Amino acid sequence: MLFGQTIPGVVLAFFKVAGEYVILGAVFIFALAWLLKAKPHNRPKQYSVVVFDVFGKISHIDGIRTEFKTHDVAWSFMKQYKEAYPLYNFALVSELPKSDKPTIFRYI
């Protein structure tokens, strides 16, 4: 009786409880990661579009808007500019408080 029912019963009960703790731990880790990712970030207040020519040098095109307050509007204008000026590349940049150089968010 000892090897047929008692020992397998104890081992199965242990792994059942251990499995519950593993699942509970995974739920807590996921919740903690989600909370850390969901915390508000310091977003830039100003975005700029920088124009690059075919040689990779910063260029200037007369008549285009380069300063924006929101990321989505700047990205929309960049896509429009890329269609209108296919030989130029465009970078969406912003000055972040903890960075010495402008940070590029998107580049097309």
C-alpha atoms as a PDB file:
ATOM      1  CA  MET A   1       0.000   0.000   0.000  1.00  0.00           C
ATOM      2  CA  LEU A   2       2.818   2.386   0.776  1.00  0.00           C
ATOM      3  CA  PHE A   3       4.319   2.459  -2.737  1.00  0.00           C
ATOM      4  CA  GLY A   4       1.036   2.008  -4.586  1.00  0.00           C
ATOM      5  CA  GLN A   5      -1.064   4.829  -3.167  1.00  0.00           C
ATOM      6  CA  THR A   6       0.594   6.865  -0.406  1.00  0.00           C
ATOM      7  CA  ILE A   7       3.814   7.991  -2.107  1.00  0.00           C
ATOM      8  CA  PRO A   8       2.207   8.820  -5.496  1.00  0.00           C
ATOM      9  CA  GLY A   9      -0.578  10.639  -3.646  1.00  0.00           C
ATOM     10  CA  VAL A  10       1.917  12.798  -1.722  1.00  0.00           C
ATOM     11  CA  VAL A  11       3.975  13.531  -4.860  1.00  0.00           C
ATOM     12  CA  LEU A  12       0.887  14.440  -6.899  1.00  0.00           C
ATOM     13  CA  ALA A  13      -0.419  16.705  -4.128  1.00  0.00           C
ATOM     14  CA  PHE A  14       2.978  18.456  -3.936  1.00  0.00           C
ATOM     15  CA  PHE A  15       3.111  19.107  -7.694  1.00  0.00           C
ATOM     16  CA  LYS A  16      -0.499  20.298  -7.715  1.00  0.00           C
ATOM     17  CA  VAL A  17       0.267  22.937  -5.061  1.00  0.00           C
ATOM     18  CA  ALA A  18       3.602  23.825  -6.700  1.00  0.00           C
ATOM     19  CA  GLY A  19       1.825  24.325 -10.041  1.00  0.00           C
ATOM     20  CA  GLU A  20      -0.656  26.680  -8.421  1.00  0.00           C
ATOM     21  CA  TYR A  21       2.199  28.754  -6.979  1.00  0.00           C
ATOM     22  CA  VAL A  22       3.954  28.913 -10.356  1.00  0.00           C
ATOM     23  CA  ILE A  23       0.786  30.174 -12.041  1.00  0.00           C
ATOM     24  CA  LEU A  24       0.130  32.684  -9.250  1.00  0.00           C
ATOM     25  CA  GLY A  25       3.729  33.934  -9.473  1.00  0.00           C
ATOM     26  CA  ALA A  26       3.444  34.340 -13.253  1.00  0.00           C
ATOM     27  CA  VAL A  27       0.259  36.381 -12.798  1.00  0.00           C
ATOM     28  CA  PHE A  28       1.979  38.696 -10.296  1.00  0.00           C
ATOM     29  CA  ILE A  29       5.028  39.139 -12.541  1.00  0.00           C
ATOM     30  CA  PHE A  30       2.774  39.968 -15.506  1.00  0.00           C
ATOM     31  CA  ALA A  31       0.772  42.455 -13.406  1.00  0.00           C
ATOM     32  CA  LEU A  32       3.940  44.144 -12.141  1.00  0.00           C
ATOM     33  CA  ALA A  33       5.385  44.410 -15.659  1.00  0.00           C
ATOM     34  CA  TRP A  34       2.101  45.832 -16.941  1.00  0.00           C
ATOM     35  CA  LEU A  35       1.951  48.447 -14.182  1.00  0.00           C
ATOM     36  CA  LEU A  36       5.539  49.551 -14.802  1.00  0.00           C
ATOM     37  CA  LYS A  37       4.907  49.845 -18.541  1.00  0.00           C
ATOM     38  CA  ALA A  38       1.595  51.666 -18.059  1.00  0.00           C
ATOM     39  CA  LYS A  39       3.012  54.410 -15.845  1.00  0.00           C
ATOM     40  CA  PRO A  40       2.960  57.810 -17.532  1.00  0.00           C
ATOM     41  CA  HIS A  41       6.102  58.751 -19.417  1.00  0.00           C
ATOM     42  CA  ASN A  42       7.499  62.219 -19.950  1.00  0.00           C
ATOM     43  CA  ARG A  43       6.621  62.898 -23.542  1.00  0.00           C
ATOM     44  CA  PRO A  44       8.294  65.680 -25.497  1.00  0.00           C
ATOM     45  CA  LYS A  45       6.386  68.929 -25.878  1.00  0.00           C
ATOM     46  CA  GLN A  46       7.833  69.764 -29.288  1.00  0.00           C
ATOM     47  CA  TYR A  47       8.686  67.648 -32.342  1.00  0.00           C
ATOM     48  CA  SER A  48      10.738  68.691 -35.346  1.00  0.00           C
ATOM     49  CA  VAL A  49      11.097  67.260 -38.836  1.00  0.00           C
ATOM     50  CA  VAL A  50      14.681  67.250 -40.087  1.00  0.00           C
ATOM     51  CA  VAL A  51      15.278  66.918 -43.832  1.00  0.00           C
ATOM     52  CA  PHE A  52      18.215  64.932 -45.231  1.00  0.00           C
ATOM     53  CA  ASP A  53      19.320  64.976 -48.879  1.00  0.00           C
ATOM     54  CA  VAL A  54      20.451  61.915 -50.861  1.00  0.00           C
ATOM     55  CA  PHE A  55      23.970  62.245 -49.435  1.00  0.00           C
ATOM     56  CA  GLY A  56      22.735  62.175 -45.826  1.00  0.00           C
ATOM     57  CA  LYS A  57      23.427  65.852 -45.135  1.00  0.00           C
ATOM     58  CA  ILE A  58      20.899  68.008 -43.314  1.00  0.00           C
ATOM     59  CA  SER A  59      19.026  70.081 -45.869  1.00  0.00           C
ATOM     60  CA  HIS A  60      16.242  72.660 -45.945  1.00  0.00           C
ATOM     61  CA  ILE A  61      13.180  72.694 -48.208  1.00  0.00           C
ATOM     62  CA  ASP A  62      11.383  76.016 -48.494  1.00  0.00           C
ATOM     63  CA  GLY A  63       7.680  75.991 -47.717  1.00  0.00           C
ATOM     64  CA  ILE A  64       7.427  72.915 -45.500  1.00  0.00           C
ATOM     65  CA  ARG A  65       6.391  72.937 -41.884  1.00  0.00           C
ATOM     66  CA  THR A  66       9.018  71.528 -39.524  1.00  0.00           C
ATOM     67  CA  GLU A  67       7.766  72.274 -35.984  1.00  0.00           C
ATOM     68  CA  PHE A  68       4.893  70.287 -34.421  1.00  0.00           C
ATOM     69  CA  LYS A  69       3.317  69.844 -31.005  1.00  0.00           C
ATOM     70  CA  THR A  70       2.159  66.218 -31.391  1.00  0.00           C
ATOM     71  CA  HIS A  71       3.854  63.082 -32.651  1.00  0.00           C
ATOM     72  CA  ASP A  72       0.922  61.969 -34.818  1.00  0.00           C
ATOM     73  CA  VAL A  73       0.677  65.241 -36.736  1.00  0.00           C
ATOM     74  CA  ALA A  74       4.423  65.314 -37.338  1.00  0.00           C
ATOM     75  CA  TRP A  75       4.378  61.707 -38.582  1.00  0.00           C
ATOM     76  CA  SER A  76       1.471  62.493 -40.919  1.00  0.00           C
ATOM     77  CA  PHE A  77       3.295  65.486 -42.399  1.00  0.00           C
ATOM     78  CA  MET A  78       6.470  63.405 -42.791  1.00  0.00           C
ATOM     79  CA  LYS A  79       4.597  60.807 -44.851  1.00  0.00           C
ATOM     80  CA  GLN A  80       3.166  63.590 -47.037  1.00  0.00           C
ATOM     81  CA  TYR A  81       6.603  65.137 -47.503  1.00  0.00           C
ATOM     82  CA  LYS A  82       8.113  61.767 -48.437  1.00  0.00           C
ATOM     83  CA  GLU A  83       5.534  61.376 -51.221  1.00  0.00           C
ATOM     84  CA  ALA A  84       6.098  64.938 -52.453  1.00  0.00           C
ATOM     85  CA  TYR A  85       9.915  64.802 -52.178  1.00  0.00           C
ATOM     86  CA  PRO A  86      10.979  61.171 -52.766  1.00  0.00           C
ATOM     87  CA  LEU A  87      14.703  61.995 -53.052  1.00  0.00           C
ATOM     88  CA  TYR A  88      14.801  63.362 -49.504  1.00  0.00           C
ATOM     89  CA  ASN A  89      14.705  61.480 -46.215  1.00  0.00           C
ATOM     90  CA  PHE A  90      12.933  62.809 -43.152  1.00  0.00           C
ATOM     91  CA  ALA A  91      13.572  62.293 -39.443  1.00  0.00           C
ATOM     92  CA  LEU A  92      11.172  63.030 -36.610  1.00  0.00           C
ATOM     93  CA  VAL A  93      13.303  64.358 -33.749  1.00  0.00           C
ATOM     94  CA  SER A  94      12.782  65.901 -30.350  1.00  0.00           C
ATOM     95  CA  GLU A  95      14.898  67.257 -27.521  1.00  0.00           C
ATOM     96  CA  LEU A  96      14.596  65.070 -24.433  1.00  0.00           C
ATOM     97  CA  PRO A  97      15.468  66.556 -21.033  1.00  0.00           C
ATOM     98  CA  LYS A  98      18.086  63.923 -20.111  1.00  0.00           C
ATOM     99  CA  SER A  99      19.802  63.819 -23.505  1.00  0.00           C
ATOM    100  CA  ASP A 100      22.482  66.058 -24.972  1.00  0.00           C
ATOM    101  CA  LYS A 101      21.555  65.291 -28.584  1.00  0.00           C
ATOM    102  CA  PRO A 102      18.156  65.312 -30.284  1.00  0.00           C
ATOM    103  CA  THR A 103      16.473  61.911 -30.236  1.00  0.00           C
ATOM    104  CA  ILE A 104      15.198  60.478 -33.542  1.00  0.00           C
ATOM    105  CA  PHE A 105      11.781  58.858 -33.139  1.00  0.00           C
ATOM    106  CA  ARG A 106      11.108  57.953 -36.768  1.00  0.00           C
ATOM    107  CA  TYR A 107      13.071  58.051 -39.993  1.00  0.00           C
ATOM    108  CA  ILE A 108      11.733  57.642 -43.518  1.00  0.00           C
END
